[in-house]
Amino acid sequence: MLKMRRNFAGAFLARDLGHGAWRLSCAVPREIDVILQGAERGAAQAFGTDPLVGFSIEWRGETALLSFMSGERVATVESRSAIVHEPLPHLYDGLPLVNVDANARRFWRRIFRLVRLPGGRYLLKLLTGLSRR
Protein backbone atom coordinates (compact mmCIF):
# COMPACT_ATOMS: atom_id res chain seq x y z
CA MET A 1 0.00 0.00 0.00
CA LEU A 2 1.41 3.37 -1.07
CA LYS A 3 1.54 5.98 1.70
CA MET A 4 2.25 9.65 1.14
CA ARG A 5 2.66 12.21 3.89
CA ARG A 6 2.91 15.97 3.78
CA ASN A 7 3.55 18.38 6.68
CA PHE A 8 2.46 22.02 6.62
CA ALA A 9 3.70 25.09 8.50
CA GLY A 10 1.36 27.82 9.66
CA ALA A 11 -2.02 28.06 11.33
CA PHE A 12 -5.00 26.73 9.38
CA LEU A 13 -8.58 27.86 9.91
CA ALA A 14 -11.32 25.29 9.29
CA ARG A 15 -14.59 26.19 7.57
CA ASP A 16 -17.48 23.74 7.23
CA LEU A 17 -18.82 23.66 3.65
CA GLY A 18 -21.56 21.15 4.51
CA HIS A 19 -22.18 17.49 3.67
CA GLY A 20 -18.76 16.37 5.00
CA ALA A 21 -16.81 18.95 3.00
CA TRP A 22 -14.34 21.28 4.71
CA ARG A 23 -11.94 24.02 3.63
CA LEU A 24 -8.79 24.51 5.68
CA SER A 25 -7.05 27.79 4.84
CA CYS A 26 -3.66 29.21 5.73
CA ALA A 27 -2.35 32.59 4.56
CA VAL A 28 1.06 32.67 6.27
CA PRO A 29 3.86 31.75 5.44
CA ARG A 30 2.17 31.27 2.05
CA GLU A 31 -1.38 30.80 0.84
CA ILE A 32 -2.55 27.18 1.00
CA ASP A 33 -6.06 25.71 0.90
CA VAL A 34 -6.91 22.12 1.72
CA ILE A 35 -10.28 20.85 0.54
CA LEU A 36 -11.66 17.81 2.32
CA GLN A 37 -14.51 15.69 1.02
CA GLY A 38 -16.20 12.97 2.99
CA ALA A 39 -14.78 13.98 6.38
CA GLU A 40 -15.87 11.81 9.30
CA ARG A 41 -18.86 12.95 11.36
CA GLY A 42 -16.83 14.13 14.35
CA ALA A 43 -14.77 16.55 12.25
CA ALA A 44 -16.50 19.69 13.59
CA GLN A 45 -15.70 18.71 17.15
CA ALA A 46 -12.11 17.72 16.26
CA PHE A 47 -11.40 20.96 14.39
CA GLY A 48 -12.95 23.12 17.10
CA THR A 49 -12.68 26.91 16.81
CA ASP A 50 -8.94 27.35 17.39
CA PRO A 51 -6.46 27.46 14.50
CA LEU A 52 -4.96 24.10 13.50
CA VAL A 53 -1.17 23.92 13.92
CA GLY A 54 1.33 21.12 13.39
CA PHE A 55 -0.86 20.12 10.46
CA SER A 56 -0.08 17.04 8.35
CA ILE A 57 -1.91 14.86 5.83
CA GLU A 58 -1.21 11.20 5.22
CA TRP A 59 -2.83 9.77 2.09
CA ARG A 60 -3.62 6.07 2.52
CA GLY A 61 -4.95 4.83 -0.79
CA GLU A 62 -8.71 5.41 -0.48
CA THR A 63 -8.61 7.79 2.51
CA ALA A 64 -6.60 10.67 3.95
CA LEU A 65 -5.73 11.04 7.62
CA LEU A 66 -5.22 14.57 8.95
CA SER A 67 -3.25 15.12 12.16
CA PHE A 68 -3.03 18.47 13.90
CA MET A 69 -3.10 20.39 17.15
CA SER A 70 -6.18 22.45 17.97
CA GLY A 71 -5.86 24.46 21.13
CA GLU A 72 -3.95 22.27 23.59
CA ARG A 73 -4.94 18.89 22.19
CA VAL A 74 -3.75 16.64 19.37
CA ALA A 75 -6.52 15.41 17.07
CA THR A 76 -6.99 13.40 13.88
CA VAL A 77 -9.70 13.43 11.24
CA GLU A 78 -10.19 10.88 8.50
CA SER A 79 -11.49 12.00 5.12
CA ARG A 80 -12.39 10.32 1.83
CA SER A 81 -10.17 12.79 -0.06
CA ALA A 82 -7.86 15.72 0.64
CA ILE A 83 -6.86 18.14 -2.12
CA VAL A 84 -4.08 20.65 -1.48
CA HIS A 85 -4.20 23.88 -3.50
CA GLU A 86 -1.04 26.00 -3.48
CA PRO A 87 -1.09 28.94 -5.91
CA LEU A 88 2.31 29.50 -7.49
CA PRO A 89 2.74 33.16 -8.49
CA HIS A 90 5.46 32.61 -11.12
CA LEU A 91 4.20 29.32 -12.55
CA TYR A 92 4.08 30.45 -16.18
CA ASP A 93 7.23 32.61 -16.18
CA GLY A 94 9.43 29.89 -17.67
CA LEU A 95 7.05 28.93 -20.47
CA PRO A 96 7.62 30.26 -24.00
CA LEU A 97 4.17 31.83 -24.29
CA VAL A 98 3.23 33.69 -27.45
CA ASN A 99 3.07 37.47 -27.32
CA VAL A 100 0.39 38.82 -29.62
CA ASP A 101 1.25 42.15 -31.25
CA ALA A 102 -1.19 44.71 -32.67
CA ASN A 103 -1.17 43.19 -36.16
CA ALA A 104 -1.97 39.71 -34.86
CA ARG A 105 -4.79 41.07 -32.66
CA ARG A 106 -6.27 42.89 -35.66
CA PHE A 107 -6.08 39.71 -37.76
CA TRP A 108 -7.85 37.59 -35.13
CA ARG A 109 -10.52 40.26 -34.57
CA ARG A 110 -11.29 40.13 -38.30
CA ILE A 111 -11.45 36.33 -38.29
CA PHE A 112 -13.85 36.25 -35.33
CA ARG A 113 -15.96 39.02 -36.87
CA LEU A 114 -16.13 37.00 -40.12
CA VAL A 115 -17.16 33.82 -38.31
CA ARG A 116 -20.05 35.64 -36.58
CA LEU A 117 -21.59 36.66 -39.92
CA PRO A 118 -24.29 34.38 -41.35
CA GLY A 119 -22.42 31.91 -43.53
CA GLY A 120 -19.08 33.22 -42.26
CA ARG A 121 -17.90 29.79 -41.13
CA TYR A 122 -18.43 28.41 -44.63
CA LEU A 123 -16.58 31.35 -46.16
CA LEU A 124 -13.68 30.78 -43.76
CA LYS A 125 -13.60 27.07 -44.69
CA LEU A 126 -13.57 28.02 -48.35
CA LEU A 127 -10.71 30.50 -47.83
CA THR A 128 -8.63 28.01 -45.83
CA GLY A 129 -9.29 25.30 -48.42
CA LEU A 130 -8.04 27.60 -51.18
CA SER A 131 -4.86 28.38 -49.28
CA ARG A 132 -3.91 24.67 -49.09
CA ARG A 133 -3.79 24.28 -52.88
C-alpha atoms as a PDB file:
ATOM      1  CA  MET A   1       0.000   0.000   0.000  1.00  0.00           C
ATOM      2  CA  LEU A   2       1.413   3.367  -1.069  1.00  0.00           C
ATOM      3  CA  LYS A   3       1.543   5.981   1.700  1.00  0.00           C
ATOM      4  CA  MET A   4       2.253   9.650   1.140  1.00  0.00           C
ATOM      5  CA  ARG A   5       2.656  12.209   3.886  1.00  0.00           C
ATOM      6  CA  ARG A   6       2.907  15.973   3.777  1.00  0.00           C
ATOM      7  CA  ASN A   7       3.555  18.381   6.681  1.00  0.00           C
ATOM      8  CA  PHE A   8       2.461  22.018   6.623  1.00  0.00           C
ATOM      9  CA  ALA A   9       3.699  25.088   8.504  1.00  0.00           C
ATOM     10  CA  GLY A  10       1.362  27.824   9.657  1.00  0.00           C
ATOM     11  CA  ALA A  11      -2.023  28.059  11.330  1.00  0.00           C
ATOM     12  CA  PHE A  12      -5.004  26.727   9.376  1.00  0.00           C
ATOM     13  CA  LEU A  13      -8.579  27.864   9.906  1.00  0.00           C
ATOM     14  CA  ALA A  14     -11.319  25.288   9.287  1.00  0.00           C
ATOM     15  CA  ARG A  15     -14.594  26.192   7.566  1.00  0.00           C
ATOM     16  CA  ASP A  16     -17.479  23.735   7.227  1.00  0.00           C
ATOM     17  CA  LEU A  17     -18.816  23.655   3.648  1.00  0.00           C
ATOM     18  CA  GLY A  18     -21.557  21.150   4.511  1.00  0.00           C
ATOM     19  CA  HIS A  19     -22.177  17.487   3.669  1.00  0.00           C
ATOM     20  CA  GLY A  20     -18.765  16.369   5.002  1.00  0.00           C
ATOM     21  CA  ALA A  21     -16.808  18.946   2.997  1.00  0.00           C
ATOM     22  CA  TRP A  22     -14.342  21.275   4.715  1.00  0.00           C
ATOM     23  CA  ARG A  23     -11.940  24.019   3.634  1.00  0.00           C
ATOM     24  CA  LEU A  24      -8.789  24.506   5.676  1.00  0.00           C
ATOM     25  CA  SER A  25      -7.046  27.788   4.841  1.00  0.00           C
ATOM     26  CA  CYS A  26      -3.661  29.213   5.732  1.00  0.00           C
ATOM     27  CA  ALA A  27      -2.350  32.592   4.560  1.00  0.00           C
ATOM     28  CA  VAL A  28       1.060  32.671   6.275  1.00  0.00           C
ATOM     29  CA  PRO A  29       3.858  31.745   5.438  1.00  0.00           C
ATOM     30  CA  ARG A  30       2.172  31.269   2.046  1.00  0.00           C
ATOM     31  CA  GLU A  31      -1.378  30.798   0.839  1.00  0.00           C
ATOM     32  CA  ILE A  32      -2.549  27.177   1.002  1.00  0.00           C
ATOM     33  CA  ASP A  33      -6.061  25.713   0.898  1.00  0.00           C
ATOM     34  CA  VAL A  34      -6.908  22.120   1.725  1.00  0.00           C
ATOM     35  CA  ILE A  35     -10.279  20.855   0.543  1.00  0.00           C
ATOM     36  CA  LEU A  36     -11.664  17.809   2.319  1.00  0.00           C
ATOM     37  CA  GLN A  37     -14.510  15.691   1.020  1.00  0.00           C
ATOM     38  CA  GLY A  38     -16.200  12.971   2.993  1.00  0.00           C
ATOM     39  CA  ALA A  39     -14.777  13.975   6.377  1.00  0.00           C
ATOM     40  CA  GLU A  40     -15.874  11.813   9.303  1.00  0.00           C
ATOM     41  CA  ARG A  41     -18.864  12.945  11.358  1.00  0.00           C
ATOM     42  CA  GLY A  42     -16.826  14.132  14.355  1.00  0.00           C
ATOM     43  CA  ALA A  43     -14.768  16.552  12.247  1.00  0.00           C
ATOM     44  CA  ALA A  44     -16.498  19.687  13.588  1.00  0.00           C
ATOM     45  CA  GLN A  45     -15.695  18.712  17.154  1.00  0.00           C
ATOM     46  CA  ALA A  46     -12.110  17.720  16.263  1.00  0.00           C
ATOM     47  CA  PHE A  47     -11.396  20.956  14.386  1.00  0.00           C
ATOM     48  CA  GLY A  48     -12.946  23.123  17.095  1.00  0.00           C
ATOM     49  CA  THR A  49     -12.681  26.907  16.812  1.00  0.00           C
ATOM     50  CA  ASP A  50      -8.939  27.349  17.389  1.00  0.00           C
ATOM     51  CA  PRO A  51      -6.456  27.461  14.497  1.00  0.00           C
ATOM     52  CA  LEU A  52      -4.961  24.104  13.498  1.00  0.00           C
ATOM     53  CA  VAL A  53      -1.175  23.923  13.915  1.00  0.00           C
ATOM     54  CA  GLY A  54       1.330  21.117  13.387  1.00  0.00           C
ATOM     55  CA  PHE A  55      -0.860  20.121  10.461  1.00  0.00           C
ATOM     56  CA  SER A  56      -0.085  17.042   8.345  1.00  0.00           C
ATOM     57  CA  ILE A  57      -1.909  14.860   5.830  1.00  0.00           C
ATOM     58  CA  GLU A  58      -1.205  11.197   5.218  1.00  0.00           C
ATOM     59  CA  TRP A  59      -2.829   9.774   2.094  1.00  0.00           C
ATOM     60  CA  ARG A  60      -3.618   6.073   2.516  1.00  0.00           C
ATOM     61  CA  GLY A  61      -4.952   4.831  -0.792  1.00  0.00           C
ATOM     62  CA  GLU A  62      -8.709   5.412  -0.481  1.00  0.00           C
ATOM     63  CA  THR A  63      -8.610   7.795   2.506  1.00  0.00           C
ATOM     64  CA  ALA A  64      -6.604  10.667   3.949  1.00  0.00           C
ATOM     65  CA  LEU A  65      -5.727  11.039   7.619  1.00  0.00           C
ATOM     66  CA  LEU A  66      -5.224  14.570   8.954  1.00  0.00           C
ATOM     67  CA  SER A  67      -3.247  15.115  12.160  1.00  0.00           C
ATOM     68  CA  PHE A  68      -3.032  18.475  13.902  1.00  0.00           C
ATOM     69  CA  MET A  69      -3.101  20.389  17.152  1.00  0.00           C
ATOM     70  CA  SER A  70      -6.176  22.446  17.966  1.00  0.00           C
ATOM     71  CA  GLY A  71      -5.864  24.465  21.135  1.00  0.00           C
ATOM     72  CA  GLU A  72      -3.948  22.274  23.595  1.00  0.00           C
ATOM     73  CA  ARG A  73      -4.945  18.891  22.192  1.00  0.00           C
ATOM     74  CA  VAL A  74      -3.753  16.636  19.369  1.00  0.00           C
ATOM     75  CA  ALA A  75      -6.517  15.412  17.066  1.00  0.00           C
ATOM     76  CA  THR A  76      -6.988  13.396  13.884  1.00  0.00           C
ATOM     77  CA  VAL A  77      -9.703  13.435  11.240  1.00  0.00           C
ATOM     78  CA  GLU A  78     -10.191  10.883   8.501  1.00  0.00           C
ATOM     79  CA  SER A  79     -11.490  12.001   5.119  1.00  0.00           C
ATOM     80  CA  ARG A  80     -12.386  10.317   1.829  1.00  0.00           C
ATOM     81  CA  SER A  81     -10.167  12.792  -0.060  1.00  0.00           C
ATOM     82  CA  ALA A  82      -7.863  15.723   0.642  1.00  0.00           C
ATOM     83  CA  ILE A  83      -6.863  18.136  -2.119  1.00  0.00           C
ATOM     84  CA  VAL A  84      -4.076  20.654  -1.483  1.00  0.00           C
ATOM     85  CA  HIS A  85      -4.200  23.880  -3.502  1.00  0.00           C
ATOM     86  CA  GLU A  86      -1.037  26.000  -3.482  1.00  0.00           C
ATOM     87  CA  PRO A  87      -1.094  28.937  -5.913  1.00  0.00           C
ATOM     88  CA  LEU A  88       2.305  29.500  -7.493  1.00  0.00           C
ATOM     89  CA  PRO A  89       2.743  33.162  -8.488  1.00  0.00           C
ATOM     90  CA  HIS A  90       5.458  32.613 -11.124  1.00  0.00           C
ATOM     91  CA  LEU A  91       4.199  29.319 -12.545  1.00  0.00           C
ATOM     92  CA  TYR A  92       4.084  30.448 -16.181  1.00  0.00           C
ATOM     93  CA  ASP A  93       7.229  32.615 -16.183  1.00  0.00           C
ATOM     94  CA  GLY A  94       9.433  29.894 -17.672  1.00  0.00           C
ATOM     95  CA  LEU A  95       7.053  28.931 -20.474  1.00  0.00           C
ATOM     96  CA  PRO A  96       7.615  30.257 -23.996  1.00  0.00           C
ATOM     97  CA  LEU A  97       4.167  31.830 -24.288  1.00  0.00           C
ATOM     98  CA  VAL A  98       3.225  33.687 -27.453  1.00  0.00           C
ATOM     99  CA  ASN A  99       3.067  37.468 -27.318  1.00  0.00           C
ATOM    100  CA  VAL A 100       0.386  38.821 -29.615  1.00  0.00           C
ATOM    101  CA  ASP A 101       1.248  42.147 -31.245  1.00  0.00           C
ATOM    102  CA  ALA A 102      -1.186  44.714 -32.666  1.00  0.00           C
ATOM    103  CA  ASN A 103      -1.169  43.187 -36.164  1.00  0.00           C
ATOM    104  CA  ALA A 104      -1.974  39.713 -34.862  1.00  0.00           C
ATOM    105  CA  ARG A 105      -4.787  41.071 -32.661  1.00  0.00           C
ATOM    106  CA  ARG A 106      -6.274  42.892 -35.662  1.00  0.00           C
ATOM    107  CA  PHE A 107      -6.075  39.708 -37.758  1.00  0.00           C
ATOM    108  CA  TRP A 108      -7.847  37.589 -35.134  1.00  0.00           C
ATOM    109  CA  ARG A 109     -10.525  40.262 -34.571  1.00  0.00           C
ATOM    110  CA  ARG A 110     -11.289  40.132 -38.303  1.00  0.00           C
ATOM    111  CA  ILE A 111     -11.453  36.334 -38.291  1.00  0.00           C
ATOM    112  CA  PHE A 112     -13.854  36.254 -35.334  1.00  0.00           C
ATOM    113  CA  ARG A 113     -15.960  39.017 -36.871  1.00  0.00           C
ATOM    114  CA  LEU A 114     -16.131  36.998 -40.117  1.00  0.00           C
ATOM    115  CA  VAL A 115     -17.157  33.818 -38.307  1.00  0.00           C
ATOM    116  CA  ARG A 116     -20.046  35.637 -36.582  1.00  0.00           C
ATOM    117  CA  LEU A 117     -21.591  36.664 -39.916  1.00  0.00           C
ATOM    118  CA  PRO A 118     -24.291  34.384 -41.354  1.00  0.00           C
ATOM    119  CA  GLY A 119     -22.422  31.912 -43.533  1.00  0.00           C
ATOM    120  CA  GLY A 120     -19.078  33.217 -42.261  1.00  0.00           C
ATOM    121  CA  ARG A 121     -17.905  29.790 -41.128  1.00  0.00           C
ATOM    122  CA  TYR A 122     -18.431  28.406 -44.631  1.00  0.00           C
ATOM    123  CA  LEU A 123     -16.576  31.348 -46.161  1.00  0.00           C
ATOM    124  CA  LEU A 124     -13.677  30.778 -43.758  1.00  0.00           C
ATOM    125  CA  LYS A 125     -13.601  27.068 -44.690  1.00  0.00           C
ATOM    126  CA  LEU A 126     -13.567  28.021 -48.354  1.00  0.00           C
ATOM    127  CA  LEU A 127     -10.712  30.496 -47.827  1.00  0.00           C
ATOM    128  CA  THR A 128      -8.634  28.014 -45.833  1.00  0.00           C
ATOM    129  CA  GLY A 129      -9.289  25.301 -48.420  1.00  0.00           C
ATOM    130  CA  LEU A 130      -8.040  27.597 -51.177  1.00  0.00           C
ATOM    131  CA  SER A 131      -4.863  28.383 -49.275  1.00  0.00           C
ATOM    132  CA  ARG A 132      -3.913  24.673 -49.090  1.00  0.00           C
ATOM    133  CA  ARG A 133      -3.786  24.276 -52.877  1.00  0.00           C
END
